[in-house]
Amino acid sequence: MVELTYREIDIAAVERAVQSPACGGIVTFVGRVREQSRGRSVQYLEYEAYPEMAVAKMQEIVAAIRERWDTDRVAIVHRLGRLEIGEASVAIAVAAPHRREAFEACRYAIDRLKEEVPIWKKEVTPDGEEWIGQGS
C-alpha cells in the first residue's frame, strides 16, 4: 500500500495492509498536524504533491526496505489538501518477523519520505502563510 489521498487516513487499514502470520512485529508511525511550529501558532496546514513522482519515490523507499530488512510488509499513506490540527498527515506501517527490524525500517521510511518525496506543506498562521519545502 503506497498512496496519496485527500481523505482521512484510516490508520487501522494501514496496519491491516501489512499484517502477516510470518511477522511478529508491526510498527506504525502517524504524523499529525500540531498546533505549534517553529514557535508560531498553526491554524491549519495544506499539503500538495507532484503525485506521479511522489508515488514513485514512495515505492523506491519500499523497495529499499525490502532489500535492507527482508520484508515486503510496508504501507505508506500521505494526506493531501487542507488538514486541521490533530488530523493525520502521514501513516507508515512496517511488519517484520522481529520488532527491531520493524522499528528500524519504519524510521527509515519516514526519514526518507521527509527528505526525498515531493510533498510540500503550507503552514497557515495568524500572521499569514508560508510554504515549507519538500517533506517537511
Foldseek 3Di string as FASTA:
>chain_A
DEEEEQDFDDQVVLQVQQDDPQFDDKDKDWDFAAQDDPHFGFFKKFKDAPGVQLSVQLVVLLVVLCVPLVGNRKYKYAYGGIDGGGTTGIMIMHTHNDHVSRVVSRVSSLVSQLVPGGMWMWTQGPVGIDIDGGND
